[in-house]
Amino acid sequence: MNNINLTALAKSEKSARKRMRYLALLHFTEGHSRTAIANMLKVSRTSVNAWVTNYLTHGINGLDDKPNPGRPAQLSAKQQASLKEFIQAQSLSESGGRLMARDVCLYIQSEFNVTFKQANIYRILHQLGFSWITTRSRHPKQSQDVQDAFKKLPTVNDP
């Protein structure tokens, strides 16, 4: 690959990390030593060595960022589906109080033998499509007819 292509790639690249890799290759193709390139770009020589080696081995695609999968989830997809069903069933239940993070935590611990901190429970709820703000369940003695009748009462200041 010639210098013009690397120069154009470096100028058009939005990622600063990838732009740095293109610049290192540009200097490498111009004949600079890897130590000199590291000094010019203010990076370690090990990084420059890795970039050049990846380029020589895999071509220009060797400079792409590697996928970073992160830590595997502690709950499997099946367990997450079970948790989602539990939360939905509890939220639609007519009896009982609000479902709180500690309730979800206790359910996870008893059903799946996995322990989470409260902050992580909110993260899991968000991933499952739930909000940490929950509605209160309906009181068993609540009556829609009584509420409608109350709304129809005239207030003192009404004409």
N, C-alpha and C. Protein backbone atom coordinates (compact mmCIF):
# COMPACT_ATOMS: atom_id res chain seq x y z
N MET A 1 0.85 -1.17 0.00
CA MET A 1 0.00 0.00 0.00
C MET A 1 0.90 1.23 0.00
N ASN A 2 0.56 2.21 -0.80
CA ASN A 2 1.41 3.39 -0.91
C ASN A 2 1.05 4.45 0.13
N ASN A 3 1.91 5.46 0.21
CA ASN A 3 1.76 6.49 1.23
C ASN A 3 0.48 7.30 1.07
N ILE A 4 0.05 7.54 -0.15
CA ILE A 4 -1.13 8.37 -0.37
C ILE A 4 -2.36 7.70 0.25
N ASN A 5 -2.49 6.40 0.08
CA ASN A 5 -3.64 5.70 0.67
C ASN A 5 -3.60 5.76 2.19
N LEU A 6 -2.45 5.54 2.79
CA LEU A 6 -2.35 5.61 4.25
C LEU A 6 -2.60 7.02 4.76
N THR A 7 -2.13 8.01 4.03
CA THR A 7 -2.36 9.40 4.41
C THR A 7 -3.85 9.71 4.35
N ALA A 8 -4.51 9.29 3.27
CA ALA A 8 -5.95 9.52 3.12
C ALA A 8 -6.73 8.78 4.20
N LEU A 9 -6.31 7.54 4.48
CA LEU A 9 -6.99 6.78 5.53
C LEU A 9 -6.84 7.45 6.89
N ALA A 10 -5.64 7.93 7.18
CA ALA A 10 -5.39 8.58 8.47
C ALA A 10 -6.21 9.87 8.59
N LYS A 11 -6.34 10.62 7.50
CA LYS A 11 -7.10 11.87 7.55
C LYS A 11 -8.60 11.63 7.66
N SER A 12 -9.08 10.56 7.06
CA SER A 12 -10.52 10.32 7.06
C SER A 12 -11.00 9.50 8.26
N GLU A 13 -10.09 8.90 8.99
CA GLU A 13 -10.46 8.04 10.12
C GLU A 13 -10.95 8.86 11.30
N LYS A 14 -12.09 8.48 11.87
CA LYS A 14 -12.64 9.20 13.02
C LYS A 14 -12.08 8.69 14.34
N SER A 15 -11.74 7.41 14.40
CA SER A 15 -11.21 6.82 15.62
C SER A 15 -9.76 7.25 15.81
N ALA A 16 -9.46 7.90 16.93
CA ALA A 16 -8.10 8.37 17.20
C ALA A 16 -7.13 7.20 17.33
N ARG A 17 -7.58 6.11 17.89
CA ARG A 17 -6.70 4.95 18.07
C ARG A 17 -6.30 4.36 16.71
N LYS A 18 -7.28 4.24 15.83
CA LYS A 18 -6.99 3.68 14.51
C LYS A 18 -6.16 4.67 13.67
N ARG A 19 -6.42 5.95 13.83
CA ARG A 19 -5.65 6.97 13.12
C ARG A 19 -4.18 6.89 13.52
N MET A 20 -3.93 6.63 14.81
CA MET A 20 -2.56 6.49 15.29
C MET A 20 -1.89 5.29 14.63
N ARG A 21 -2.62 4.21 14.45
CA ARG A 21 -2.07 3.02 13.79
C ARG A 21 -1.74 3.31 12.33
N TYR A 22 -2.63 4.04 11.66
CA TYR A 22 -2.36 4.41 10.26
C TYR A 22 -1.12 5.29 10.15
N LEU A 23 -0.97 6.23 11.07
CA LEU A 23 0.20 7.09 11.06
C LEU A 23 1.48 6.30 11.31
N ALA A 24 1.41 5.33 12.20
CA ALA A 24 2.58 4.49 12.46
C ALA A 24 2.97 3.73 11.20
N LEU A 25 1.99 3.20 10.50
CA LEU A 25 2.28 2.49 9.25
C LEU A 25 2.80 3.41 8.18
N LEU A 26 2.27 4.61 8.13
CA LEU A 26 2.76 5.59 7.16
C LEU A 26 4.24 5.85 7.39
N HIS A 27 4.63 6.08 8.62
CA HIS A 27 6.05 6.30 8.94
C HIS A 27 6.87 5.04 8.66
N PHE A 28 6.31 3.87 8.92
CA PHE A 28 7.02 2.62 8.66
C PHE A 28 7.29 2.44 7.17
N THR A 29 6.28 2.76 6.34
CA THR A 29 6.48 2.62 4.88
C THR A 29 7.43 3.68 4.35
N GLU A 30 7.61 4.77 5.07
CA GLU A 30 8.58 5.79 4.67
C GLU A 30 10.00 5.42 5.08
N GLY A 31 10.14 4.32 5.82
CA GLY A 31 11.46 3.83 6.16
C GLY A 31 11.96 4.19 7.54
N HIS A 32 11.12 4.76 8.37
CA HIS A 32 11.53 5.09 9.73
C HIS A 32 11.62 3.81 10.56
N SER A 33 12.50 3.84 11.56
CA SER A 33 12.62 2.68 12.45
C SER A 33 11.44 2.66 13.41
N ARG A 34 11.19 1.50 13.97
CA ARG A 34 10.06 1.37 14.89
C ARG A 34 10.29 2.19 16.16
N THR A 35 11.52 2.30 16.58
CA THR A 35 11.83 3.12 17.75
C THR A 35 11.57 4.60 17.45
N ALA A 36 11.97 5.05 16.25
CA ALA A 36 11.74 6.44 15.87
C ALA A 36 10.24 6.73 15.74
N ILE A 37 9.49 5.77 15.21
CA ILE A 37 8.03 5.94 15.08
C ILE A 37 7.41 6.07 16.47
N ALA A 38 7.84 5.22 17.40
CA ALA A 38 7.31 5.28 18.77
C ALA A 38 7.61 6.63 19.40
N ASN A 39 8.79 7.17 19.17
CA ASN A 39 9.15 8.48 19.71
C ASN A 39 8.34 9.59 19.06
N MET A 40 8.12 9.50 17.74
CA MET A 40 7.35 10.54 17.04
C MET A 40 5.90 10.56 17.51
N LEU A 41 5.30 9.38 17.70
CA LEU A 41 3.89 9.30 18.04
C LEU A 41 3.64 9.28 19.55
N LYS A 42 4.73 9.25 20.32
CA LYS A 42 4.64 9.23 21.78
C LYS A 42 3.87 8.01 22.29
N VAL A 43 4.19 6.84 21.71
CA VAL A 43 3.61 5.57 22.15
C VAL A 43 4.76 4.61 22.41
N SER A 44 4.44 3.46 22.97
CA SER A 44 5.50 2.50 23.26
C SER A 44 5.93 1.79 21.98
N ARG A 45 7.19 1.34 21.98
CA ARG A 45 7.70 0.61 20.82
C ARG A 45 6.99 -0.73 20.67
N THR A 46 6.54 -1.30 21.78
CA THR A 46 5.80 -2.55 21.73
C THR A 46 4.51 -2.39 20.93
N SER A 47 3.84 -1.27 21.12
CA SER A 47 2.61 -1.00 20.36
C SER A 47 2.91 -0.89 18.88
N VAL A 48 3.94 -0.14 18.54
CA VAL A 48 4.32 0.01 17.13
C VAL A 48 4.67 -1.35 16.53
N ASN A 49 5.43 -2.16 17.27
CA ASN A 49 5.77 -3.51 16.79
C ASN A 49 4.51 -4.33 16.52
N ALA A 50 3.55 -4.26 17.42
CA ALA A 50 2.31 -5.02 17.26
C ALA A 50 1.53 -4.53 16.04
N TRP A 51 1.44 -3.23 15.85
CA TRP A 51 0.69 -2.69 14.71
C TRP A 51 1.33 -3.09 13.39
N VAL A 52 2.66 -2.95 13.32
CA VAL A 52 3.36 -3.31 12.08
C VAL A 52 3.23 -4.80 11.81
N THR A 53 3.39 -5.62 12.83
CA THR A 53 3.27 -7.07 12.66
C THR A 53 1.86 -7.45 12.20
N ASN A 54 0.85 -6.86 12.82
CA ASN A 54 -0.53 -7.13 12.40
C ASN A 54 -0.77 -6.70 10.96
N TYR A 55 -0.20 -5.57 10.58
CA TYR A 55 -0.35 -5.10 9.20
C TYR A 55 0.34 -6.03 8.22
N LEU A 56 1.55 -6.44 8.55
CA LEU A 56 2.29 -7.32 7.64
C LEU A 56 1.65 -8.71 7.56
N THR A 57 1.02 -9.14 8.62
CA THR A 57 0.41 -10.47 8.66
C THR A 57 -0.99 -10.47 8.05
N HIS A 58 -1.82 -9.50 8.44
CA HIS A 58 -3.23 -9.52 8.07
C HIS A 58 -3.63 -8.41 7.11
N GLY A 59 -2.71 -7.57 6.71
CA GLY A 59 -3.05 -6.45 5.84
C GLY A 59 -3.66 -5.31 6.63
N ILE A 60 -4.36 -4.43 5.91
CA ILE A 60 -4.92 -3.24 6.54
C ILE A 60 -6.00 -3.61 7.57
N ASN A 61 -6.66 -4.76 7.39
CA ASN A 61 -7.68 -5.20 8.35
C ASN A 61 -7.08 -5.62 9.68
N GLY A 62 -5.79 -5.86 9.72
CA GLY A 62 -5.12 -6.22 10.96
C GLY A 62 -5.06 -5.07 11.95
N LEU A 63 -5.37 -3.85 11.48
CA LEU A 63 -5.34 -2.68 12.36
C LEU A 63 -6.69 -2.41 13.01
N ASP A 64 -7.72 -3.16 12.63
CA ASP A 64 -9.04 -2.96 13.22
C ASP A 64 -9.01 -3.36 14.69
N ASP A 65 -9.89 -2.73 15.47
CA ASP A 65 -10.02 -3.08 16.88
C ASP A 65 -10.56 -4.49 16.99
N LYS A 66 -10.03 -5.23 17.93
CA LYS A 66 -10.51 -6.59 18.18
C LYS A 66 -11.79 -6.50 19.01
N PRO A 67 -12.74 -7.39 18.77
CA PRO A 67 -13.96 -7.35 19.60
C PRO A 67 -13.63 -7.67 21.05
N ASN A 68 -14.27 -6.94 21.93
CA ASN A 68 -14.06 -7.12 23.36
C ASN A 68 -15.35 -7.64 23.97
N PRO A 69 -15.50 -8.96 24.11
CA PRO A 69 -16.77 -9.50 24.55
C PRO A 69 -17.10 -9.19 26.01
N GLY A 70 -16.11 -8.93 26.82
CA GLY A 70 -16.35 -8.64 28.22
C GLY A 70 -16.61 -9.89 29.04
N ARG A 71 -16.96 -9.68 30.26
CA ARG A 71 -17.21 -10.78 31.17
C ARG A 71 -18.52 -11.48 30.79
N PRO A 72 -18.53 -12.80 30.81
CA PRO A 72 -19.78 -13.50 30.48
C PRO A 72 -20.85 -13.24 31.53
N ALA A 73 -22.10 -13.26 31.10
CA ALA A 73 -23.22 -13.00 32.01
C ALA A 73 -23.33 -14.12 33.04
N GLN A 74 -23.71 -13.74 34.27
CA GLN A 74 -23.85 -14.73 35.32
C GLN A 74 -25.17 -15.48 35.21
N LEU A 75 -26.15 -14.88 34.55
CA LEU A 75 -27.43 -15.53 34.33
C LEU A 75 -27.53 -15.93 32.86
N SER A 76 -27.91 -17.16 32.62
CA SER A 76 -28.08 -17.62 31.24
C SER A 76 -29.32 -16.98 30.63
N ALA A 77 -29.49 -17.15 29.34
CA ALA A 77 -30.66 -16.58 28.66
C ALA A 77 -31.95 -17.19 29.21
N LYS A 78 -31.92 -18.47 29.53
CA LYS A 78 -33.09 -19.15 30.09
C LYS A 78 -33.41 -18.59 31.48
N GLN A 79 -32.38 -18.35 32.29
CA GLN A 79 -32.58 -17.79 33.62
C GLN A 79 -33.11 -16.35 33.52
N GLN A 80 -32.59 -15.58 32.56
CA GLN A 80 -33.08 -14.22 32.37
C GLN A 80 -34.55 -14.22 31.96
N ALA A 81 -34.92 -15.18 31.09
CA ALA A 81 -36.33 -15.27 30.68
C ALA A 81 -37.21 -15.63 31.87
N SER A 82 -36.74 -16.53 32.73
CA SER A 82 -37.48 -16.91 33.93
C SER A 82 -37.63 -15.72 34.87
N LEU A 83 -36.57 -14.94 35.02
CA LEU A 83 -36.61 -13.75 35.87
C LEU A 83 -37.60 -12.74 35.31
N LYS A 84 -37.60 -12.57 34.01
CA LYS A 84 -38.53 -11.62 33.37
C LYS A 84 -39.97 -12.05 33.61
N GLU A 85 -40.25 -13.35 33.49
CA GLU A 85 -41.60 -13.85 33.75
C GLU A 85 -42.00 -13.60 35.20
N PHE A 86 -41.07 -13.83 36.13
CA PHE A 86 -41.34 -13.59 37.55
C PHE A 86 -41.70 -12.13 37.79
N ILE A 87 -40.92 -11.22 37.22
CA ILE A 87 -41.15 -9.79 37.43
C ILE A 87 -42.49 -9.37 36.83
N GLN A 88 -42.80 -9.86 35.64
CA GLN A 88 -44.07 -9.51 35.02
C GLN A 88 -45.25 -10.07 35.83
N ALA A 89 -45.11 -11.30 36.30
CA ALA A 89 -46.19 -11.89 37.09
C ALA A 89 -46.40 -11.10 38.38
N GLN A 90 -45.31 -10.68 39.02
CA GLN A 90 -45.42 -9.92 40.26
C GLN A 90 -46.01 -8.53 40.02
N SER A 91 -45.66 -7.91 38.90
CA SER A 91 -46.17 -6.56 38.63
C SER A 91 -47.65 -6.58 38.27
N LEU A 92 -48.15 -7.69 37.72
CA LEU A 92 -49.56 -7.79 37.36
C LEU A 92 -50.42 -8.34 38.50
N SER A 93 -49.79 -8.79 39.54
CA SER A 93 -50.50 -9.36 40.69
C SER A 93 -51.33 -8.28 41.37
N GLU A 94 -52.56 -8.64 41.74
CA GLU A 94 -53.45 -7.68 42.40
C GLU A 94 -53.20 -7.57 43.89
N SER A 95 -52.54 -8.55 44.46
CA SER A 95 -52.26 -8.51 45.90
C SER A 95 -50.78 -8.31 46.14
N GLY A 96 -50.47 -7.82 47.30
CA GLY A 96 -49.05 -7.64 47.63
C GLY A 96 -48.60 -6.22 47.39
N GLY A 97 -47.37 -5.94 47.83
CA GLY A 97 -46.82 -4.59 47.70
C GLY A 97 -45.95 -4.47 46.47
N ARG A 98 -45.17 -3.42 46.47
CA ARG A 98 -44.27 -3.17 45.35
C ARG A 98 -43.18 -4.22 45.29
N LEU A 99 -42.72 -4.51 44.09
CA LEU A 99 -41.57 -5.39 43.90
C LEU A 99 -40.32 -4.51 43.98
N MET A 100 -39.45 -4.80 44.91
CA MET A 100 -38.27 -3.98 45.11
C MET A 100 -37.02 -4.75 44.70
N ALA A 101 -35.90 -4.04 44.60
CA ALA A 101 -34.66 -4.66 44.15
C ALA A 101 -34.25 -5.81 45.06
N ARG A 102 -34.45 -5.66 46.35
CA ARG A 102 -34.06 -6.75 47.25
C ARG A 102 -34.91 -7.99 47.03
N ASP A 103 -36.20 -7.80 46.62
CA ASP A 103 -37.06 -8.94 46.31
C ASP A 103 -36.54 -9.68 45.09
N VAL A 104 -36.13 -8.93 44.08
CA VAL A 104 -35.57 -9.54 42.87
C VAL A 104 -34.26 -10.23 43.21
N CYS A 105 -33.47 -9.61 44.06
CA CYS A 105 -32.19 -10.19 44.48
C CYS A 105 -32.41 -11.52 45.21
N LEU A 106 -33.39 -11.54 46.11
CA LEU A 106 -33.70 -12.77 46.84
C LEU A 106 -34.21 -13.86 45.90
N TYR A 107 -35.01 -13.48 44.93
CA TYR A 107 -35.51 -14.45 43.95
C TYR A 107 -34.35 -15.05 43.15
N ILE A 108 -33.45 -14.21 42.69
CA ILE A 108 -32.30 -14.69 41.92
C ILE A 108 -31.44 -15.61 42.77
N GLN A 109 -31.24 -15.21 44.02
CA GLN A 109 -30.39 -16.02 44.90
C GLN A 109 -31.03 -17.36 45.20
N SER A 110 -32.34 -17.38 45.43
CA SER A 110 -33.00 -18.64 45.78
C SER A 110 -33.19 -19.55 44.57
N GLU A 111 -33.48 -18.96 43.40
CA GLU A 111 -33.77 -19.77 42.22
C GLU A 111 -32.50 -20.19 41.46
N PHE A 112 -31.53 -19.30 41.37
CA PHE A 112 -30.36 -19.54 40.52
C PHE A 112 -29.06 -19.66 41.29
N ASN A 113 -29.10 -19.42 42.61
CA ASN A 113 -27.92 -19.49 43.47
C ASN A 113 -26.81 -18.54 43.00
N VAL A 114 -27.22 -17.34 42.59
CA VAL A 114 -26.29 -16.30 42.15
C VAL A 114 -26.59 -15.07 42.99
N THR A 115 -25.53 -14.41 43.48
CA THR A 115 -25.69 -13.23 44.32
C THR A 115 -25.29 -11.98 43.55
N PHE A 116 -26.15 -10.97 43.60
CA PHE A 116 -25.88 -9.68 42.97
C PHE A 116 -26.00 -8.58 44.00
N LYS A 117 -25.30 -7.48 43.77
CA LYS A 117 -25.48 -6.29 44.59
C LYS A 117 -26.68 -5.54 44.04
N GLN A 118 -27.22 -4.64 44.85
CA GLN A 118 -28.44 -3.94 44.48
C GLN A 118 -28.25 -3.11 43.21
N ALA A 119 -27.11 -2.47 43.04
CA ALA A 119 -26.87 -1.67 41.83
C ALA A 119 -26.91 -2.54 40.59
N ASN A 120 -26.43 -3.76 40.69
CA ASN A 120 -26.45 -4.66 39.54
C ASN A 120 -27.86 -5.16 39.24
N ILE A 121 -28.71 -5.23 40.25
CA ILE A 121 -30.09 -5.62 40.02
C ILE A 121 -30.76 -4.58 39.11
N TYR A 122 -30.51 -3.31 39.38
CA TYR A 122 -31.09 -2.26 38.53
C TYR A 122 -30.55 -2.37 37.09
N ARG A 123 -29.28 -2.70 36.94
CA ARG A 123 -28.69 -2.88 35.61
C ARG A 123 -29.37 -4.05 34.89
N ILE A 124 -29.59 -5.15 35.60
CA ILE A 124 -30.24 -6.33 35.00
C ILE A 124 -31.68 -5.99 34.61
N LEU A 125 -32.37 -5.26 35.48
CA LEU A 125 -33.74 -4.86 35.16
C LEU A 125 -33.77 -4.02 33.89
N HIS A 126 -32.82 -3.12 33.77
CA HIS A 126 -32.74 -2.28 32.56
C HIS A 126 -32.48 -3.15 31.32
N GLN A 127 -31.59 -4.12 31.42
CA GLN A 127 -31.30 -5.01 30.30
C GLN A 127 -32.52 -5.83 29.90
N LEU A 128 -33.36 -6.16 30.85
CA LEU A 128 -34.56 -6.95 30.57
C LEU A 128 -35.72 -6.08 30.08
N GLY A 129 -35.48 -4.77 30.02
CA GLY A 129 -36.51 -3.86 29.51
C GLY A 129 -37.43 -3.29 30.58
N PHE A 130 -37.04 -3.38 31.84
CA PHE A 130 -37.84 -2.85 32.93
C PHE A 130 -37.20 -1.56 33.44
N SER A 131 -38.02 -0.73 34.05
CA SER A 131 -37.54 0.48 34.69
C SER A 131 -37.43 0.21 36.18
N TRP A 132 -36.51 0.85 36.85
CA TRP A 132 -36.39 0.66 38.29
C TRP A 132 -37.51 1.37 39.02
N ILE A 133 -38.20 2.25 38.33
CA ILE A 133 -39.36 2.91 38.92
C ILE A 133 -40.54 1.98 38.70
N THR A 134 -41.12 1.53 39.77
CA THR A 134 -42.20 0.56 39.66
C THR A 134 -43.52 1.19 40.06
N THR A 135 -44.58 0.65 39.56
CA THR A 135 -45.91 1.10 39.96
C THR A 135 -46.34 0.30 41.18
N ARG A 136 -47.19 0.87 41.95
CA ARG A 136 -47.72 0.15 43.09
C ARG A 136 -48.83 -0.77 42.60
N SER A 137 -48.91 -1.94 43.20
CA SER A 137 -49.99 -2.84 42.84
C SER A 137 -51.30 -2.28 43.40
N ARG A 138 -52.39 -2.72 42.84
CA ARG A 138 -53.70 -2.23 43.29
C ARG A 138 -54.04 -2.79 44.65
N HIS A 139 -54.60 -1.94 45.48
CA HIS A 139 -55.06 -2.38 46.79
C HIS A 139 -56.30 -3.24 46.58
N PRO A 140 -56.42 -4.34 47.32
CA PRO A 140 -57.57 -5.24 47.12
C PRO A 140 -58.93 -4.56 47.33
N LYS A 141 -58.99 -3.54 48.20
CA LYS A 141 -60.27 -2.87 48.48
C LYS A 141 -60.52 -1.67 47.57
N GLN A 142 -59.63 -1.44 46.62
CA GLN A 142 -59.76 -0.30 45.72
C GLN A 142 -60.92 -0.56 44.76
N SER A 143 -61.73 0.47 44.56
CA SER A 143 -62.89 0.33 43.69
C SER A 143 -62.90 1.48 42.69
N GLN A 144 -63.01 1.15 41.41
CA GLN A 144 -63.04 2.17 40.37
C GLN A 144 -64.35 2.96 40.44
N ASP A 145 -65.44 2.32 40.84
CA ASP A 145 -66.73 3.02 40.96
C ASP A 145 -66.67 4.11 42.01
N VAL A 146 -66.05 3.82 43.15
CA VAL A 146 -65.92 4.81 44.22
C VAL A 146 -65.07 5.98 43.75
N GLN A 147 -64.00 5.71 43.02
CA GLN A 147 -63.13 6.78 42.51
C GLN A 147 -63.89 7.65 41.52
N ASP A 148 -64.67 7.04 40.63
CA ASP A 148 -65.43 7.82 39.65
C ASP A 148 -66.48 8.68 40.34
N ALA A 149 -67.14 8.14 41.35
CA ALA A 149 -68.14 8.92 42.10
C ALA A 149 -67.49 10.10 42.80
N PHE A 150 -66.29 9.91 43.35
CA PHE A 150 -65.57 10.99 44.02
C PHE A 150 -65.21 12.10 43.04
N LYS A 151 -64.83 11.73 41.83
CA LYS A 151 -64.45 12.73 40.82
C LYS A 151 -65.64 13.58 40.40
N LYS A 152 -66.87 13.05 40.52
CA LYS A 152 -68.06 13.77 40.07
C LYS A 152 -68.60 14.75 41.12
N LEU A 153 -68.07 14.67 42.34
CA LEU A 153 -68.53 15.58 43.38
C LEU A 153 -68.12 17.00 43.04
N PRO A 154 -69.04 17.96 43.15
CA PRO A 154 -68.65 19.35 42.86
C PRO A 154 -67.79 19.91 43.98
N THR A 155 -66.85 20.73 43.60
CA THR A 155 -66.02 21.38 44.61
C THR A 155 -66.68 22.69 45.00
N VAL A 156 -66.22 23.31 46.07
CA VAL A 156 -66.82 24.53 46.60
C VAL A 156 -66.72 25.67 45.60
N ASN A 157 -65.65 25.79 44.88
CA ASN A 157 -65.42 26.92 43.99
C ASN A 157 -65.97 26.71 42.58
N ASP A 158 -66.59 25.55 42.30
CA ASP A 158 -67.14 25.32 40.97
C ASP A 158 -68.39 26.15 40.78
N PRO A 159 -68.61 26.69 39.56
CA PRO A 159 -69.82 27.50 39.32
C PRO A 159 -71.07 26.66 39.26
